[in-house]
Amino acid sequence: MKKSKKIVALLLATVMIGSLFTGCGKKNNENDKTNTNDTTKTEDTSSTDTANTDTSTEKVDSIYFLNFKPEIAEVYEKIAKDYEAETGIKVKVNTAAAGTYETTLKSEIAKKDAPTIFQINGPVGYQNWKDYSADMKDSELYSHLTDKSLAVTEGEGVYGVPYAVEGYGIIYNNAIMDKYFALTDRATTVASMAEVNNFATLKAVVEDMQARKADLGIDGVFASTSMAAGEQWRWQTHLANLPLFYEFKDNTAFDNTVLAGLAANEIEFKYAENFKNVYDLYTNNSCVEKGLLGAKTVNDSMADFALGKAAMVQNGNWAWSQINEVDGNVVNENDIKFMPIYTGVTGEETQGLCVGTENYFAINSQVSEAKQKASMDFLNWLFTSDTGKAYVTNDLGFIAPFDSFTDAEKPSDPLSKEVLAWMEKDTTSVVWTFAAFPSEDFKNAFGDALLEYVQGGLDWDQVVTVVKESWKSERAK
């Protein structure tokens, strides 16, 4: 895969966090789209009785992969079957439920049949699981990494290998947008999506579309805002990333926003109104009434979009499989496009998508060396064999950072292509600063406050207070 200067720049923050933690040995919380930040790791490894055993005669017939992405669990099951058919090695795939990965990993890692492959959230997650992370510097997978600086390292060792870069923003159905722009009585003068490059323009278009939803054949502009328990990560993590990215960007003492966030014992939440701008836009111009949002899931939201009930939805390129697999999907692939999440920040006309990575494979160092090798062999097969690469590109939809992928083997799904296209534009992508969020409890407090706000139980000033106080108390822990 061709190296991109933008990818390197976007992920520099991740690399620098590794250096920061290597120097101070500080433990922090793992942050991801759906994972729970349980920072208490398992200390008792006695139950994993295969650790460090002699591998000269050991025959490995199975390995165990603990997956943290529920939306692609079925793909991994297919991959496992193909790998077993080809090699005779069974791959047990266990997928943690949304929001429970750290808790599940803590439980599973203590068992006799522990995961041999698991996932960490970069240098931050590595600090929680370093006692279980094997050195992968001699693995073939690591040798194929196009930019070695992207790996999670400590000293001379390599303990986490990134396997995808991703992007998120506002996904829109261009067919519906063209239908709107063709209306002769529309209240805006905007003629195409190329003109929508700031919040003011987006708001004008969205509110006019909502007023004319019957003419456009939709129930509302935005898909339902998923506020059910465990389904709020698009708002308390991904949307929250923007105001805090801009706040930490203003801190001139640091050269990147993640380091600034990790150093912040308190936050001002100075861009809270910008968050409110877009969150209100989502909920006030939705295909679902506000009172019903507390029961809505991400799958519900993606179904709203896929069935043509809504023209827009916030999510990432990983959402393609959810859209594509909805029974009755009416959205044409060529009409699925991305735009940045505009919030009204000065200069946002040059803002791009939120692009980064939080996906790293780790090998369990507490299982036998033979199982470690068998696990690395599986990962190498997945990212270098023709069969494996076809799954990675066509089914998992990963933008994989390995030289084993040619340009022709880049993802062909519409959302991944959109991420690649935006990375080539003359825009500045938003760093995944949520890696610096203090804990899952902070994110849950943020999400719970948002639910109360949208249901009328809290005013916005109270939400701001909750966010600021929760950051302070969780950082103090």
Protein backbone atom coordinates (compact mmCIF):
# COMPACT_ATOMS: atom_id res chain seq x y z
CA MET A 1 0.00 0.00 0.00
CA LYS A 2 1.42 3.35 -0.99
CA LYS A 3 2.66 5.35 1.97
CA SER A 4 0.89 8.62 2.59
CA LYS A 5 2.54 11.55 4.26
CA LYS A 6 -0.85 12.37 5.75
CA ILE A 7 -1.10 8.98 7.43
CA VAL A 8 2.29 9.48 9.05
CA ALA A 9 1.38 12.97 10.22
CA LEU A 10 -1.99 11.87 11.54
CA LEU A 11 -0.52 9.03 13.55
CA LEU A 12 2.53 10.84 14.91
CA ALA A 13 0.57 11.61 18.06
CA THR A 14 0.11 7.89 18.69
CA VAL A 15 3.82 7.23 18.32
CA MET A 16 4.72 10.09 20.68
CA ILE A 17 2.39 8.73 23.33
CA GLY A 18 4.43 5.52 23.21
CA SER A 19 7.59 7.49 23.94
CA LEU A 20 5.84 9.35 26.75
CA PHE A 21 4.72 6.18 28.48
CA THR A 22 8.00 4.39 27.92
CA GLY A 23 9.72 7.15 29.86
CA CYS A 24 7.35 7.40 32.81
CA GLY A 25 5.71 3.97 32.98
CA LYS A 26 2.33 5.58 33.59
CA LYS A 27 -0.76 3.42 33.17
CA ASN A 28 -3.82 4.87 31.55
CA ASN A 29 -7.13 3.74 30.11
CA GLU A 30 -7.84 2.17 26.76
CA ASN A 31 -10.21 4.23 24.57
CA ASP A 32 -11.95 2.91 21.47
CA LYS A 33 -15.22 3.06 19.58
CA THR A 34 -17.00 0.46 21.61
CA ASN A 35 -14.60 -0.79 24.26
CA THR A 36 -14.96 -0.49 28.01
CA ASN A 37 -12.05 1.22 29.78
CA ASP A 38 -11.71 -1.08 32.75
CA THR A 39 -8.20 -0.12 33.84
CA THR A 40 -7.74 -2.97 36.29
CA LYS A 41 -5.75 -5.65 34.55
CA THR A 42 -5.46 -9.27 35.63
CA GLU A 43 -2.35 -9.87 37.67
CA ASP A 44 -2.73 -13.61 38.31
CA THR A 45 -1.33 -15.56 35.37
CA SER A 46 -1.05 -18.88 37.14
CA SER A 47 -4.16 -20.27 35.44
CA THR A 48 -2.54 -19.86 32.03
CA ASP A 49 -0.42 -22.96 32.54
CA THR A 50 0.91 -23.20 29.00
CA ALA A 51 3.08 -20.09 29.40
CA ASN A 52 6.72 -20.44 28.45
CA THR A 53 6.55 -24.19 27.90
CA ASP A 54 8.93 -26.09 25.62
CA THR A 55 7.70 -25.83 22.04
CA SER A 56 10.00 -28.37 20.40
CA THR A 57 7.37 -31.12 20.41
CA GLU A 58 4.16 -29.19 20.96
CA LYS A 59 1.57 -29.61 18.23
CA VAL A 60 -0.77 -26.66 17.93
CA ASP A 61 -4.19 -27.43 16.51
CA SER A 62 -6.04 -24.29 17.59
CA ILE A 63 -5.59 -20.62 18.44
CA TYR A 64 -7.98 -18.08 19.97
CA PHE A 65 -8.75 -14.59 18.65
CA LEU A 66 -10.69 -12.16 20.87
CA ASN A 67 -12.31 -9.65 18.52
CA PHE A 68 -13.56 -6.23 19.66
CA LYS A 69 -15.61 -5.23 16.58
CA PRO A 70 -19.11 -6.78 16.75
CA GLU A 71 -20.03 -5.36 13.34
CA ILE A 72 -17.49 -7.62 11.58
CA ALA A 73 -17.77 -10.71 13.76
CA GLU A 74 -19.40 -12.78 11.02
CA VAL A 75 -16.57 -11.96 8.61
CA TYR A 76 -14.00 -13.25 11.09
CA GLU A 77 -16.00 -16.46 11.46
CA LYS A 78 -15.74 -16.99 7.68
CA ILE A 79 -12.04 -16.20 7.74
CA ALA A 80 -11.53 -18.76 10.51
CA LYS A 81 -13.25 -21.48 8.49
CA ASP A 82 -11.14 -20.78 5.40
CA TYR A 83 -7.94 -20.76 7.42
CA GLU A 84 -8.78 -24.08 9.08
CA ALA A 85 -9.61 -25.61 5.69
CA GLU A 86 -6.27 -24.45 4.30
CA THR A 87 -3.96 -25.13 7.25
CA GLY A 88 -5.78 -27.47 9.61
CA ILE A 89 -5.45 -24.93 12.43
CA LYS A 90 -8.74 -24.02 14.09
CA VAL A 91 -9.23 -20.34 14.94
CA LYS A 92 -11.66 -19.78 17.79
CA VAL A 93 -13.24 -16.35 17.33
CA ASN A 94 -14.92 -14.76 20.32
CA THR A 95 -16.40 -11.28 19.96
CA ALA A 96 -16.98 -9.05 22.96
CA ALA A 97 -20.30 -7.24 23.12
CA ALA A 98 -20.30 -3.52 22.43
CA GLY A 99 -18.68 -1.58 25.25
CA THR A 100 -17.33 -4.66 27.07
CA TYR A 101 -14.00 -5.47 25.41
CA GLU A 102 -11.70 -4.66 28.33
CA THR A 103 -13.97 -6.45 30.78
CA THR A 104 -14.18 -9.49 28.51
CA LEU A 105 -10.42 -9.52 27.92
CA LYS A 106 -9.76 -9.35 31.66
CA SER A 107 -12.00 -12.37 32.19
CA GLU A 108 -10.79 -14.41 29.22
CA ILE A 109 -7.06 -13.78 29.72
CA ALA A 110 -7.17 -15.49 33.12
CA LYS A 111 -8.60 -18.73 31.74
CA LYS A 112 -6.63 -21.82 30.80
CA ASP A 113 -7.83 -21.46 27.21
CA ALA A 114 -6.88 -17.78 27.01
CA PRO A 115 -6.91 -15.65 23.86
CA THR A 116 -3.70 -16.03 21.91
CA ILE A 117 -4.48 -12.92 19.83
CA PHE A 118 -6.12 -9.84 21.28
CA GLN A 119 -6.34 -6.14 20.51
CA ILE A 120 -4.95 -3.09 22.26
CA ASN A 121 -5.64 0.60 21.79
CA GLY A 122 -2.12 1.68 20.91
CA PRO A 123 0.41 2.81 23.52
CA VAL A 124 -2.31 3.68 26.03
CA GLY A 125 -3.82 0.21 25.87
CA TYR A 126 -0.39 -1.39 25.90
CA GLN A 127 0.28 0.05 29.34
CA ASN A 128 -2.68 -1.95 30.66
CA TRP A 129 -1.65 -5.20 28.97
CA LYS A 130 2.13 -5.05 28.68
CA ASP A 131 2.55 -8.14 30.89
CA TYR A 132 0.59 -10.11 28.28
CA SER A 133 2.02 -8.60 25.09
CA ALA A 134 4.68 -10.62 23.26
CA ASP A 135 7.48 -9.05 21.25
CA MET A 136 6.51 -9.10 17.56
CA LYS A 137 9.64 -7.49 16.12
CA ASP A 138 10.70 -10.70 14.35
CA SER A 139 7.25 -11.46 12.95
CA GLU A 140 6.66 -11.39 9.21
CA LEU A 141 3.61 -9.19 9.74
CA TYR A 142 5.74 -6.47 11.31
CA SER A 143 8.26 -6.74 8.47
CA HIS A 144 5.47 -5.79 6.04
CA LEU A 145 4.44 -2.67 7.98
CA THR A 146 5.06 0.24 5.63
CA ASP A 147 5.92 2.66 8.41
CA LYS A 148 7.56 0.93 11.37
CA SER A 149 7.13 4.04 13.50
CA LEU A 150 3.40 3.31 13.68
CA ALA A 151 3.92 0.20 15.82
CA VAL A 152 3.65 0.18 19.61
CA THR A 153 7.20 -0.18 20.87
CA GLU A 154 9.12 -0.19 24.13
CA GLY A 155 12.89 -0.33 24.07
CA GLU A 156 13.85 -2.64 21.21
CA GLY A 157 10.59 -4.59 21.34
CA VAL A 158 7.44 -4.33 19.20
CA TYR A 159 4.28 -5.14 21.15
CA GLY A 160 1.44 -3.92 18.97
CA VAL A 161 1.12 -3.87 15.16
CA PRO A 162 -1.50 -1.56 13.60
CA TYR A 163 -3.66 -3.20 10.97
CA ALA A 164 -5.94 -0.43 9.70
CA VAL A 165 -6.40 3.29 9.39
CA GLU A 166 -9.96 4.55 9.53
CA GLY A 167 -11.98 7.71 9.14
CA TYR A 168 -15.33 9.04 10.27
CA GLY A 169 -17.57 11.99 9.51
CA ILE A 170 -21.09 12.61 8.21
CA ILE A 171 -22.15 10.01 5.66
CA TYR A 172 -24.72 11.29 3.17
CA ASN A 173 -26.85 9.91 0.36
CA ASN A 174 -25.92 12.02 -2.66
CA ALA A 175 -29.07 11.01 -4.56
CA ILE A 176 -31.22 12.66 -1.90
CA MET A 177 -28.97 15.70 -1.85
CA ASP A 178 -29.24 16.07 -5.63
CA LYS A 179 -33.00 15.79 -5.30
CA TYR A 180 -32.92 18.66 -2.81
CA PHE A 181 -30.66 20.82 -4.98
CA ALA A 182 -33.08 20.29 -7.89
CA LEU A 183 -35.96 21.84 -5.94
CA THR A 184 -36.77 25.20 -7.48
CA ASP A 185 -38.44 26.53 -4.34
CA ARG A 186 -35.69 25.66 -1.85
CA ALA A 187 -34.89 28.35 0.69
CA THR A 188 -31.11 28.21 0.21
CA THR A 189 -28.94 29.18 -2.74
CA VAL A 190 -26.62 26.22 -2.20
CA ALA A 191 -26.40 24.27 -5.44
CA SER A 192 -24.19 21.29 -4.54
CA MET A 193 -22.41 19.54 -1.70
CA ALA A 194 -19.15 21.15 -2.83
CA GLU A 195 -20.49 24.40 -1.33
CA VAL A 196 -21.19 22.83 2.08
CA ASN A 197 -17.91 23.42 3.89
CA ASN A 198 -18.92 24.97 7.22
CA PHE A 199 -21.57 24.62 9.88
CA ALA A 200 -23.63 27.65 8.89
CA THR A 201 -24.13 26.32 5.37
CA LEU A 202 -24.77 22.78 6.59
CA LYS A 203 -27.39 24.03 9.08
CA ALA A 204 -29.20 26.07 6.44
CA VAL A 205 -29.36 23.13 4.06
CA VAL A 206 -30.38 20.61 6.72
CA GLU A 207 -33.16 22.73 8.19
CA ASP A 208 -34.57 23.51 4.74
CA MET A 209 -34.46 19.81 3.85
CA GLN A 210 -36.26 18.93 7.09
CA ALA A 211 -39.01 21.38 6.19
CA ARG A 212 -39.33 19.72 2.77
CA LYS A 213 -38.87 16.10 3.88
CA ALA A 214 -42.15 15.04 2.26
CA ASP A 215 -40.94 16.34 -1.10
CA LEU A 216 -37.66 14.46 -0.64
CA GLY A 217 -39.32 11.19 0.40
CA ILE A 218 -37.54 10.98 3.77
CA ASP A 219 -38.68 10.86 7.40
CA GLY A 220 -35.96 13.28 8.45
CA VAL A 221 -32.52 14.49 7.39
CA PHE A 222 -30.51 12.63 10.03
CA ALA A 223 -30.80 9.00 11.08
CA SER A 224 -31.71 8.33 14.71
CA THR A 225 -29.17 9.41 17.31
CA SER A 226 -28.41 6.15 19.13
CA MET A 227 -28.68 6.88 22.86
CA ALA A 228 -29.38 3.40 24.24
CA ALA A 229 -26.95 2.15 26.88
CA GLY A 230 -23.73 0.97 25.23
CA GLU A 231 -24.70 2.63 21.94
CA GLN A 232 -23.63 6.21 22.63
CA TRP A 233 -20.01 5.99 21.44
CA ARG A 234 -20.65 8.02 18.29
CA TRP A 235 -21.38 11.04 20.50
CA GLN A 236 -19.46 10.68 23.78
CA THR A 237 -16.34 9.55 21.94
CA HIS A 238 -16.37 10.42 18.23
CA LEU A 239 -18.36 13.66 18.28
CA ALA A 240 -16.73 14.69 21.58
CA ASN A 241 -13.39 14.31 19.84
CA LEU A 242 -13.91 17.52 17.87
CA PRO A 243 -14.36 20.13 20.62
CA LEU A 244 -11.57 18.61 22.68
CA PHE A 245 -9.29 18.33 19.65
CA TYR A 246 -9.71 22.07 19.10
CA GLU A 247 -9.29 22.86 22.80
CA PHE A 248 -6.07 20.91 23.08
CA LYS A 249 -4.88 22.29 19.75
CA ASP A 250 -4.99 25.72 21.36
CA ASN A 251 -2.50 24.57 24.01
CA THR A 252 0.77 25.87 22.58
CA ALA A 253 2.82 23.99 25.17
CA PHE A 254 2.30 20.78 23.19
CA ASP A 255 2.87 19.97 19.55
CA ASN A 256 -0.03 17.54 19.32
CA THR A 257 -3.48 17.26 20.82
CA VAL A 258 -3.20 13.79 22.34
CA LEU A 259 -0.23 14.72 24.50
CA ALA A 260 -2.01 17.91 25.53
CA GLY A 261 -5.07 15.88 26.49
CA LEU A 262 -3.08 13.40 28.52
CA ALA A 263 -1.52 16.28 30.44
CA ALA A 264 -4.86 17.99 31.15
CA ASN A 265 -6.07 17.42 34.70
CA GLU A 266 -9.03 19.68 33.91
CA ILE A 267 -10.75 20.87 30.76
CA GLU A 268 -12.40 24.17 29.99
CA PHE A 269 -14.73 22.58 27.41
CA LYS A 270 -14.30 25.88 25.60
CA TYR A 271 -15.86 24.51 22.39
CA ALA A 272 -18.95 23.16 24.14
CA GLU A 273 -21.25 25.37 22.04
CA ASN A 274 -19.73 23.90 18.89
CA PHE A 275 -20.56 20.41 20.12
CA LYS A 276 -24.09 21.59 20.94
CA ASN A 277 -24.43 23.07 17.46
CA VAL A 278 -24.10 19.77 15.65
CA TYR A 279 -25.71 17.57 18.32
CA ASP A 280 -28.82 19.77 18.22
CA LEU A 281 -28.72 19.67 14.43
CA TYR A 282 -28.78 15.87 14.55
CA THR A 283 -31.63 15.58 17.05
CA ASN A 284 -33.78 18.50 15.84
CA ASN A 285 -33.75 17.32 12.23
CA SER A 286 -34.06 13.58 12.70
CA CYS A 287 -36.28 10.87 11.31
CA VAL A 288 -37.04 9.87 14.93
CA GLU A 289 -38.65 11.88 17.74
CA LYS A 290 -36.34 12.87 20.60
CA GLY A 291 -38.33 10.93 23.16
CA LEU A 292 -37.54 7.65 21.38
CA LEU A 293 -33.77 8.11 21.12
CA GLY A 294 -33.04 6.44 24.46
CA ALA A 295 -34.00 3.08 22.93
CA LYS A 296 -32.18 3.50 19.62
CA THR A 297 -29.04 1.53 18.70
CA VAL A 298 -26.34 2.12 16.09
CA ASN A 299 -27.91 -0.64 13.99
CA ASP A 300 -31.22 1.21 14.08
CA SER A 301 -29.47 4.34 12.90
CA MET A 302 -27.69 2.62 10.02
CA ALA A 303 -30.95 0.96 8.99
CA ASP A 304 -32.63 4.38 8.86
CA PHE A 305 -29.98 5.45 6.36
CA ALA A 306 -29.92 2.23 4.35
CA LEU A 307 -33.70 2.17 3.96
CA GLY A 308 -33.78 5.74 2.67
CA LYS A 309 -35.57 7.15 5.71
CA ALA A 310 -32.72 9.61 6.31
CA ALA A 311 -30.23 11.46 4.13
CA MET A 312 -27.34 11.70 6.60
CA VAL A 313 -25.75 9.79 9.46
CA GLN A 314 -22.56 10.19 11.48
CA ASN A 315 -20.31 7.13 11.41
CA GLY A 316 -17.06 5.77 10.01
CA ASN A 317 -15.95 3.72 7.03
CA TRP A 318 -16.50 0.54 9.09
CA ALA A 319 -20.25 1.20 8.73
CA TRP A 320 -20.31 0.06 5.10
CA SER A 321 -20.98 -3.55 6.08
CA GLN A 322 -23.93 -2.46 8.23
CA ILE A 323 -25.43 -0.39 5.41
CA ASN A 324 -24.79 -3.03 2.77
CA GLU A 325 -26.29 -5.88 4.77
CA VAL A 326 -29.57 -4.18 5.73
CA ASP A 327 -32.43 -6.15 4.22
CA GLY A 328 -34.16 -3.81 1.79
CA ASN A 329 -31.21 -1.43 1.40
CA VAL A 330 -32.11 1.19 -1.25
CA VAL A 331 -28.95 3.30 -1.27
CA ASN A 332 -26.79 3.02 -4.38
CA GLU A 333 -23.08 2.52 -3.65
CA ASN A 334 -22.14 5.40 -5.92
CA ASP A 335 -24.35 7.75 -3.88
CA ILE A 336 -22.67 7.07 -0.51
CA LYS A 337 -20.37 9.99 0.33
CA PHE A 338 -18.51 11.49 3.29
CA MET A 339 -18.28 15.06 4.57
CA PRO A 340 -16.47 16.44 7.64
CA ILE A 341 -18.36 17.10 10.87
CA TYR A 342 -18.65 20.88 10.83
CA THR A 343 -19.35 22.52 14.20
CA GLY A 344 -18.82 26.23 13.58
CA VAL A 345 -15.15 26.51 14.51
CA THR A 346 -13.33 29.38 12.82
CA GLY A 347 -11.47 28.20 9.72
CA GLU A 348 -13.29 24.87 9.45
CA GLU A 349 -13.61 25.33 5.68
CA THR A 350 -10.26 23.52 5.43
CA GLN A 351 -11.17 20.79 7.92
CA GLY A 352 -11.21 17.20 6.71
CA LEU A 353 -12.52 13.94 8.13
CA CYS A 354 -11.45 12.53 11.50
CA VAL A 355 -8.75 10.03 10.48
CA GLY A 356 -6.55 7.81 12.63
CA THR A 357 -6.11 4.35 14.06
CA GLU A 358 -6.79 2.60 17.34
CA ASN A 359 -6.47 -0.93 16.07
CA TYR A 360 -3.41 -2.97 17.06
CA PHE A 361 -2.90 -6.70 17.23
CA ALA A 362 -1.10 -8.15 20.25
CA ILE A 363 0.05 -11.71 20.88
CA ASN A 364 -0.43 -13.23 24.33
CA SER A 365 3.04 -13.72 25.81
CA GLN A 366 1.62 -15.99 28.54
CA VAL A 367 0.75 -18.82 26.15
CA SER A 368 3.35 -21.23 24.79
CA GLU A 369 5.86 -20.09 22.19
CA ALA A 370 4.33 -22.58 19.77
CA LYS A 371 0.90 -20.96 20.15
CA GLN A 372 2.47 -17.52 19.83
CA LYS A 373 4.08 -18.57 16.55
CA ALA A 374 0.85 -20.16 15.29
CA SER A 375 -1.01 -16.96 16.11
CA MET A 376 1.50 -14.82 14.24
CA ASP A 377 1.30 -17.23 11.30
CA PHE A 378 -2.46 -16.66 11.15
CA LEU A 379 -2.09 -12.87 11.15
CA ASN A 380 0.58 -13.09 8.48
CA TRP A 381 -1.69 -15.28 6.33
CA LEU A 382 -4.56 -12.79 6.77
CA PHE A 383 -2.49 -9.85 5.51
CA THR A 384 -0.24 -11.52 2.90
CA SER A 385 -2.10 -14.43 1.30
CA ASP A 386 -4.45 -13.86 -1.63
CA THR A 387 -7.37 -15.33 0.33
CA GLY A 388 -6.65 -13.30 3.44
CA LYS A 389 -6.08 -10.03 1.61
CA ALA A 390 -9.34 -10.46 -0.28
CA TYR A 391 -11.15 -10.69 3.06
CA VAL A 392 -9.27 -7.67 4.43
CA THR A 393 -10.10 -5.51 1.43
CA ASN A 394 -13.55 -6.69 0.39
CA ASP A 395 -15.20 -7.87 3.60
CA LEU A 396 -13.44 -6.29 6.56
CA GLY A 397 -12.98 -3.08 4.58
CA PHE A 398 -9.65 -2.26 6.22
CA ILE A 399 -7.26 0.31 4.80
CA ALA A 400 -4.28 -1.87 5.69
CA PRO A 401 -0.83 -0.25 6.20
CA PHE A 402 1.23 -3.14 4.79
CA ASP A 403 3.42 -3.35 1.67
CA SER A 404 1.83 -6.70 0.84
CA PHE A 405 -1.16 -4.78 -0.59
CA THR A 406 -0.96 -3.32 -4.08
CA ASP A 407 -2.93 -0.25 -5.17
CA ALA A 408 -5.42 -2.59 -6.84
CA GLU A 409 -5.97 -4.28 -3.46
CA LYS A 410 -7.08 -1.17 -1.63
CA PRO A 411 -10.67 -1.29 -0.32
CA SER A 412 -13.29 -0.79 -3.01
CA ASP A 413 -16.26 -0.12 -0.74
CA PRO A 414 -17.60 3.43 -1.06
CA LEU A 415 -16.78 4.65 2.44
CA SER A 416 -13.16 3.47 2.45
CA LYS A 417 -12.70 5.02 -0.98
CA GLU A 418 -14.11 8.24 0.40
CA VAL A 419 -11.63 8.20 3.30
CA LEU A 420 -8.75 7.70 0.86
CA ALA A 421 -10.08 10.51 -1.35
CA TRP A 422 -10.40 12.93 1.58
CA MET A 423 -6.86 12.11 2.71
CA GLU A 424 -5.64 13.27 -0.69
CA LYS A 425 -7.54 16.57 -0.52
CA ASP A 426 -5.99 19.85 0.56
CA THR A 427 -7.65 19.66 3.96
CA THR A 428 -6.48 19.03 7.51
CA SER A 429 -7.78 15.84 9.06
CA VAL A 430 -8.83 15.85 12.72
CA VAL A 431 -6.59 13.74 14.96
CA TRP A 432 -8.24 11.03 17.04
CA THR A 433 -7.73 12.92 20.29
CA PHE A 434 -10.17 10.71 22.19
CA ALA A 435 -7.19 8.46 22.90
CA ALA A 436 -6.51 10.97 25.69
CA PHE A 437 -9.96 10.75 27.31
CA PRO A 438 -9.43 9.78 30.97
CA SER A 439 -11.73 6.75 31.20
CA GLU A 440 -14.81 4.96 30.00
CA ASP A 441 -16.62 6.33 33.03
CA PHE A 442 -15.94 9.84 31.73
CA LYS A 443 -17.43 8.96 28.35
CA ASN A 444 -20.44 7.29 29.95
CA ALA A 445 -21.07 10.34 32.14
CA PHE A 446 -20.92 12.49 29.01
CA GLY A 447 -23.33 10.17 27.17
CA ASP A 448 -25.77 9.94 30.07
CA ALA A 449 -25.85 13.73 30.35
CA LEU A 450 -26.56 14.00 26.62
CA LEU A 451 -29.49 11.61 26.95
CA GLU A 452 -30.95 13.65 29.82
CA TYR A 453 -30.43 16.80 27.79
CA VAL A 454 -32.21 15.49 24.71
CA GLN A 455 -35.07 14.24 26.90
CA GLY A 456 -35.38 17.62 28.62
CA GLY A 457 -34.01 16.61 32.03
CA LEU A 458 -30.88 18.78 31.90
CA ASP A 459 -30.18 22.14 30.32
CA TRP A 460 -26.98 22.60 28.30
CA ASP A 461 -25.09 24.42 31.08
CA GLN A 462 -25.66 21.40 33.31
CA VAL A 463 -24.28 19.09 30.61
CA VAL A 464 -21.16 21.25 30.40
CA THR A 465 -20.74 21.04 34.17
CA VAL A 466 -21.06 17.24 34.13
CA VAL A 467 -18.43 16.93 31.41
CA LYS A 468 -15.94 19.21 33.14
CA GLU A 469 -16.41 17.66 36.60
CA SER A 470 -16.26 14.11 35.27
CA TRP A 471 -13.00 14.79 33.41
CA LYS A 472 -11.46 16.29 36.56
CA SER A 473 -12.56 13.47 38.88
CA GLU A 474 -11.61 10.67 36.47
CA ARG A 475 -8.21 12.19 35.75
CA ALA A 476 -7.61 12.48 39.49
CA LYS A 477 -8.11 8.74 39.82
